[in-house]
C-alpha cells in the first residue's frame, strides 16, 4: 500500500499537533490513519505518515479474485492475510471480516 511521509518545520508544535487540518484536507482524498511523529532533538520538526487503506483494500481484493480463479492456494492465503493486516492498520483492531480472513488463510 502506498504511504507518504510528510516532513514539517513548524513554529508552534502544540498548535500544529492539536489541529485537525490534516484530516480535513486528506480525508476526502481517501487518506486515512494519519499518524504524527515528533523529532525529540528538534521541537519544531515533525512528520506525518499517511496511508490510503481503502484504495489498498480494493487492490488486494482484486488480487484475491485472481488467486482464487487460478487456484493459487499460497497466494490465496497470503492475500487474505494482507487484507486482514490492511484492515487492522486502518481500524486499529481486527473486525469480523479480519477474523474470517485469517481463519480461511
N, C-alpha and C. Protein backbone atom coordinates (compact mmCIF):
# COMPACT_ATOMS: atom_id res chain seq x y z
N UNK A 1 0.84 -1.17 0.00
CA UNK A 1 0.00 0.00 0.00
C UNK A 1 0.89 1.23 0.00
N UNK A 2 0.53 2.22 -0.82
CA UNK A 2 1.33 3.44 -0.82
C UNK A 2 1.19 4.19 0.48
N UNK A 3 2.32 4.68 0.96
CA UNK A 3 2.34 5.53 2.15
C UNK A 3 3.20 6.73 1.83
N UNK A 4 2.89 7.81 2.49
CA UNK A 4 3.65 9.04 2.29
C UNK A 4 4.09 9.53 3.66
N UNK A 5 5.35 9.92 3.75
CA UNK A 5 5.85 10.57 4.95
C UNK A 5 6.03 12.04 4.60
N UNK A 6 5.32 12.90 5.31
CA UNK A 6 5.41 14.33 5.08
C UNK A 6 6.18 14.95 6.25
N UNK A 7 7.21 15.72 5.93
CA UNK A 7 8.01 16.39 6.96
C UNK A 7 7.55 17.84 7.09
N UNK A 8 7.55 18.32 8.31
CA UNK A 8 7.07 19.67 8.58
C UNK A 8 8.04 20.38 9.50
N UNK A 9 8.35 21.62 9.18
CA UNK A 9 9.07 22.51 10.09
C UNK A 9 8.05 23.53 10.57
N UNK A 10 7.73 23.51 11.85
CA UNK A 10 6.69 24.38 12.38
C UNK A 10 7.24 25.25 13.50
N UNK A 11 6.57 26.38 13.71
CA UNK A 11 6.97 27.29 14.79
C UNK A 11 6.26 26.95 16.10
N UNK A 12 4.98 26.54 16.00
CA UNK A 12 4.19 26.26 17.19
C UNK A 12 3.76 24.79 17.16
N UNK A 13 4.59 23.93 17.74
CA UNK A 13 4.35 22.48 17.69
C UNK A 13 3.02 22.10 18.32
N UNK A 14 2.69 22.65 19.47
CA UNK A 14 1.45 22.29 20.15
C UNK A 14 0.22 22.64 19.31
N UNK A 15 0.26 23.81 18.67
CA UNK A 15 -0.86 24.21 17.81
C UNK A 15 -0.98 23.24 16.63
N UNK A 16 0.14 22.90 16.03
CA UNK A 16 0.13 22.01 14.87
C UNK A 16 -0.40 20.63 15.27
N UNK A 17 0.02 20.13 16.41
CA UNK A 17 -0.43 18.80 16.85
C UNK A 17 -1.92 18.79 17.17
N UNK A 18 -2.45 19.89 17.69
CA UNK A 18 -3.87 19.95 18.06
C UNK A 18 -4.78 20.19 16.86
N UNK A 19 -4.23 20.62 15.76
CA UNK A 19 -5.02 20.97 14.58
C UNK A 19 -5.59 19.73 13.89
N UNK A 20 -6.80 19.83 13.35
CA UNK A 20 -7.39 18.73 12.58
C UNK A 20 -7.37 19.02 11.09
N UNK A 21 -6.55 19.96 10.66
CA UNK A 21 -6.46 20.33 9.25
C UNK A 21 -6.02 19.14 8.39
N UNK A 22 -5.13 18.31 8.91
CA UNK A 22 -4.66 17.17 8.12
C UNK A 22 -5.82 16.25 7.76
N UNK A 23 -6.67 15.93 8.73
CA UNK A 23 -7.81 15.06 8.48
C UNK A 23 -8.81 15.72 7.53
N UNK A 24 -9.04 17.02 7.71
CA UNK A 24 -9.97 17.73 6.84
C UNK A 24 -9.47 17.79 5.41
N UNK A 25 -8.18 17.96 5.23
CA UNK A 25 -7.60 18.07 3.90
C UNK A 25 -7.47 16.71 3.22
N UNK A 26 -6.95 15.73 3.93
CA UNK A 26 -6.64 14.44 3.32
C UNK A 26 -7.80 13.45 3.37
N UNK A 27 -8.71 13.56 4.33
CA UNK A 27 -9.83 12.64 4.46
C UNK A 27 -10.64 12.47 3.19
N UNK A 28 -11.08 13.57 2.53
CA UNK A 28 -11.85 13.43 1.30
C UNK A 28 -11.08 12.76 0.16
N UNK A 29 -9.76 12.71 0.27
CA UNK A 29 -8.93 12.05 -0.75
C UNK A 29 -8.75 10.57 -0.46
N UNK A 30 -9.36 10.09 0.62
CA UNK A 30 -9.24 8.68 0.99
C UNK A 30 -8.00 8.38 1.79
N UNK A 31 -7.29 9.39 2.21
CA UNK A 31 -6.08 9.20 3.01
C UNK A 31 -6.49 9.20 4.47
N UNK A 32 -6.25 8.07 5.13
CA UNK A 32 -6.70 7.88 6.50
C UNK A 32 -5.55 7.45 7.39
N UNK A 33 -5.85 7.25 8.65
CA UNK A 33 -4.88 6.78 9.64
C UNK A 33 -3.61 7.64 9.61
N UNK A 34 -3.82 8.94 9.72
CA UNK A 34 -2.69 9.88 9.72
C UNK A 34 -2.02 9.82 11.09
N UNK A 35 -0.77 9.45 11.10
CA UNK A 35 -0.01 9.35 12.34
C UNK A 35 1.07 10.42 12.36
N UNK A 36 1.28 11.01 13.51
CA UNK A 36 2.22 12.11 13.66
C UNK A 36 3.41 11.68 14.50
N UNK A 37 4.58 12.11 14.08
CA UNK A 37 5.82 11.79 14.79
C UNK A 37 6.55 13.08 15.12
N UNK A 38 7.21 13.08 16.26
CA UNK A 38 7.94 14.26 16.74
C UNK A 38 9.42 13.92 16.79
N UNK A 39 10.25 14.83 16.30
CA UNK A 39 11.69 14.69 16.40
C UNK A 39 12.10 15.16 17.80
N UNK A 40 12.53 14.24 18.64
CA UNK A 40 12.85 14.57 20.03
C UNK A 40 14.01 15.56 20.14
N UNK A 41 14.86 15.60 19.14
CA UNK A 41 16.01 16.50 19.21
C UNK A 41 15.70 17.90 18.65
N UNK A 42 14.52 18.06 18.03
CA UNK A 42 14.16 19.35 17.43
C UNK A 42 12.65 19.52 17.57
N UNK A 43 12.23 20.36 18.52
CA UNK A 43 10.81 20.52 18.82
C UNK A 43 9.99 21.04 17.65
N UNK A 44 10.61 21.68 16.69
CA UNK A 44 9.87 22.23 15.56
C UNK A 44 9.83 21.33 14.35
N UNK A 45 10.44 20.16 14.42
CA UNK A 45 10.47 19.25 13.27
C UNK A 45 9.54 18.08 13.55
N UNK A 46 8.53 17.94 12.69
CA UNK A 46 7.51 16.91 12.85
C UNK A 46 7.34 16.16 11.55
N UNK A 47 6.65 15.02 11.62
CA UNK A 47 6.37 14.25 10.41
C UNK A 47 5.00 13.61 10.55
N UNK A 48 4.35 13.38 9.41
CA UNK A 48 3.07 12.68 9.37
C UNK A 48 3.20 11.50 8.42
N UNK A 49 2.62 10.37 8.80
CA UNK A 49 2.58 9.18 7.95
C UNK A 49 1.13 9.04 7.50
N UNK A 50 0.93 9.01 6.18
CA UNK A 50 -0.41 8.98 5.62
C UNK A 50 -0.58 7.71 4.79
N UNK A 51 -1.71 7.04 4.93
CA UNK A 51 -1.97 5.82 4.17
C UNK A 51 -3.31 5.87 3.47
N UNK A 52 -3.42 5.15 2.34
CA UNK A 52 -4.68 5.08 1.60
C UNK A 52 -5.21 3.66 1.72
N UNK A 53 -5.78 3.35 2.89
CA UNK A 53 -6.17 2.00 3.21
C UNK A 53 -7.34 1.50 2.36
N UNK A 54 -8.32 2.35 2.09
CA UNK A 54 -9.48 1.92 1.30
C UNK A 54 -9.04 1.52 -0.11
N UNK A 55 -8.17 2.32 -0.71
CA UNK A 55 -7.68 2.03 -2.05
C UNK A 55 -6.86 0.74 -2.05
N UNK A 56 -6.03 0.56 -1.04
CA UNK A 56 -5.23 -0.65 -0.95
C UNK A 56 -6.11 -1.88 -0.84
N UNK A 57 -7.19 -1.78 -0.05
CA UNK A 57 -8.09 -2.94 0.11
C UNK A 57 -8.74 -3.32 -1.22
N UNK A 58 -9.09 -2.36 -2.02
CA UNK A 58 -9.68 -2.65 -3.34
C UNK A 58 -8.70 -3.43 -4.21
N UNK A 59 -7.44 -3.04 -4.19
CA UNK A 59 -6.43 -3.72 -4.99
C UNK A 59 -6.18 -5.14 -4.48
N UNK A 60 -6.14 -5.29 -3.16
CA UNK A 60 -5.90 -6.63 -2.59
C UNK A 60 -7.10 -7.54 -2.86
N UNK A 61 -8.32 -7.01 -2.81
CA UNK A 61 -9.49 -7.83 -3.14
C UNK A 61 -9.44 -8.29 -4.59
N UNK A 62 -8.98 -7.43 -5.49
CA UNK A 62 -8.82 -7.82 -6.90
C UNK A 62 -7.78 -8.93 -7.03
N UNK A 63 -6.68 -8.82 -6.27
CA UNK A 63 -5.66 -9.87 -6.29
C UNK A 63 -6.21 -11.17 -5.74
N UNK A 64 -7.08 -11.09 -4.74
CA UNK A 64 -7.69 -12.29 -4.17
C UNK A 64 -8.55 -13.01 -5.20
N UNK A 65 -9.31 -12.26 -5.97
CA UNK A 65 -10.13 -12.86 -7.03
C UNK A 65 -9.27 -13.62 -8.04
N UNK A 66 -8.14 -13.06 -8.39
CA UNK A 66 -7.23 -13.72 -9.33
C UNK A 66 -6.66 -14.99 -8.72
N UNK A 67 -6.23 -14.91 -7.46
CA UNK A 67 -5.66 -16.09 -6.79
C UNK A 67 -6.69 -17.22 -6.72
N UNK A 68 -7.93 -16.87 -6.42
CA UNK A 68 -8.99 -17.88 -6.37
C UNK A 68 -9.25 -18.46 -7.75
N UNK A 69 -9.33 -17.59 -8.75
CA UNK A 69 -9.62 -18.05 -10.12
C UNK A 69 -8.57 -19.02 -10.64
N UNK A 70 -7.31 -18.81 -10.30
CA UNK A 70 -6.23 -19.67 -10.79
C UNK A 70 -5.90 -20.80 -9.82
N UNK A 71 -6.57 -20.85 -8.67
CA UNK A 71 -6.32 -21.92 -7.71
C UNK A 71 -4.97 -21.81 -7.03
N UNK A 72 -4.47 -20.61 -6.89
CA UNK A 72 -3.17 -20.40 -6.27
C UNK A 72 -3.36 -20.35 -4.75
N UNK A 73 -3.27 -21.49 -4.11
CA UNK A 73 -3.56 -21.58 -2.68
C UNK A 73 -2.63 -20.72 -1.82
N UNK A 74 -1.34 -20.74 -2.15
CA UNK A 74 -0.40 -19.93 -1.37
C UNK A 74 -0.76 -18.45 -1.47
N UNK A 75 -1.02 -17.98 -2.70
CA UNK A 75 -1.36 -16.57 -2.89
C UNK A 75 -2.71 -16.24 -2.26
N UNK A 76 -3.62 -17.21 -2.28
CA UNK A 76 -4.92 -17.02 -1.64
C UNK A 76 -4.71 -16.75 -0.15
N UNK A 77 -3.92 -17.57 0.50
CA UNK A 77 -3.68 -17.42 1.94
C UNK A 77 -2.95 -16.12 2.26
N UNK A 78 -1.92 -15.80 1.51
CA UNK A 78 -1.16 -14.57 1.80
C UNK A 78 -1.98 -13.32 1.50
N UNK A 79 -2.85 -13.40 0.51
CA UNK A 79 -3.72 -12.26 0.19
C UNK A 79 -4.75 -12.05 1.28
N UNK A 80 -5.30 -13.13 1.83
CA UNK A 80 -6.23 -13.00 2.95
C UNK A 80 -5.53 -12.37 4.16
N UNK A 81 -4.28 -12.78 4.39
CA UNK A 81 -3.52 -12.19 5.49
C UNK A 81 -3.28 -10.70 5.24
N UNK A 82 -2.95 -10.34 3.99
CA UNK A 82 -2.72 -8.93 3.66
C UNK A 82 -3.99 -8.11 3.85
N UNK A 83 -5.14 -8.67 3.50
CA UNK A 83 -6.41 -7.97 3.72
C UNK A 83 -6.64 -7.70 5.20
N UNK A 84 -6.42 -8.72 6.03
CA UNK A 84 -6.62 -8.56 7.47
C UNK A 84 -5.63 -7.53 8.04
N UNK A 85 -4.40 -7.59 7.58
CA UNK A 85 -3.38 -6.65 8.06
C UNK A 85 -3.73 -5.21 7.68
N UNK A 86 -4.17 -5.02 6.44
CA UNK A 86 -4.56 -3.68 6.00
C UNK A 86 -5.73 -3.14 6.81
N UNK A 87 -6.74 -3.97 7.03
CA UNK A 87 -7.92 -3.54 7.78
C UNK A 87 -7.54 -3.23 9.24
N UNK A 88 -6.64 -4.04 9.81
CA UNK A 88 -6.18 -3.79 11.18
C UNK A 88 -5.45 -2.45 11.25
N UNK A 89 -4.61 -2.16 10.27
CA UNK A 89 -3.90 -0.89 10.27
C UNK A 89 -4.87 0.28 10.11
N UNK A 90 -5.92 0.07 9.33
CA UNK A 90 -6.90 1.12 9.11
C UNK A 90 -7.72 1.40 10.37
N UNK A 91 -8.19 0.35 11.03
CA UNK A 91 -9.11 0.50 12.16
C UNK A 91 -8.46 0.37 13.53
N UNK A 92 -7.25 -0.15 13.57
CA UNK A 92 -6.59 -0.35 14.85
C UNK A 92 -7.06 -1.58 15.61
N UNK A 93 -7.88 -2.42 14.96
CA UNK A 93 -8.40 -3.63 15.60
C UNK A 93 -8.83 -4.60 14.52
N UNK A 94 -8.97 -5.87 14.91
CA UNK A 94 -9.48 -6.90 13.99
C UNK A 94 -11.00 -6.90 14.05
N UNK A 95 -11.65 -6.75 12.90
CA UNK A 95 -13.10 -6.83 12.87
C UNK A 95 -13.51 -8.25 12.44
N UNK A 96 -14.80 -8.48 12.24
CA UNK A 96 -15.29 -9.82 11.88
C UNK A 96 -14.72 -10.30 10.55
N UNK A 97 -14.60 -9.39 9.56
CA UNK A 97 -14.01 -9.78 8.28
C UNK A 97 -12.58 -10.25 8.46
N UNK A 98 -11.81 -9.52 9.26
CA UNK A 98 -10.41 -9.90 9.52
C UNK A 98 -10.33 -11.30 10.13
N UNK A 99 -11.16 -11.55 11.10
CA UNK A 99 -11.17 -12.86 11.76
C UNK A 99 -11.49 -13.96 10.76
N UNK A 100 -12.46 -13.71 9.90
CA UNK A 100 -12.83 -14.71 8.88
C UNK A 100 -11.69 -14.92 7.89
N UNK A 101 -11.07 -13.81 7.44
CA UNK A 101 -9.95 -13.93 6.50
C UNK A 101 -8.79 -14.71 7.11
N UNK A 102 -8.47 -14.44 8.36
CA UNK A 102 -7.36 -15.13 9.00
C UNK A 102 -7.69 -16.61 9.22
N UNK A 103 -8.93 -16.91 9.54
CA UNK A 103 -9.33 -18.31 9.71
C UNK A 103 -9.25 -19.06 8.37
N UNK A 104 -9.68 -18.40 7.30
CA UNK A 104 -9.65 -19.02 5.97
C UNK A 104 -8.22 -19.19 5.46
N UNK A 105 -7.33 -18.30 5.87
CA UNK A 105 -5.94 -18.38 5.41
C UNK A 105 -5.27 -19.60 6.01
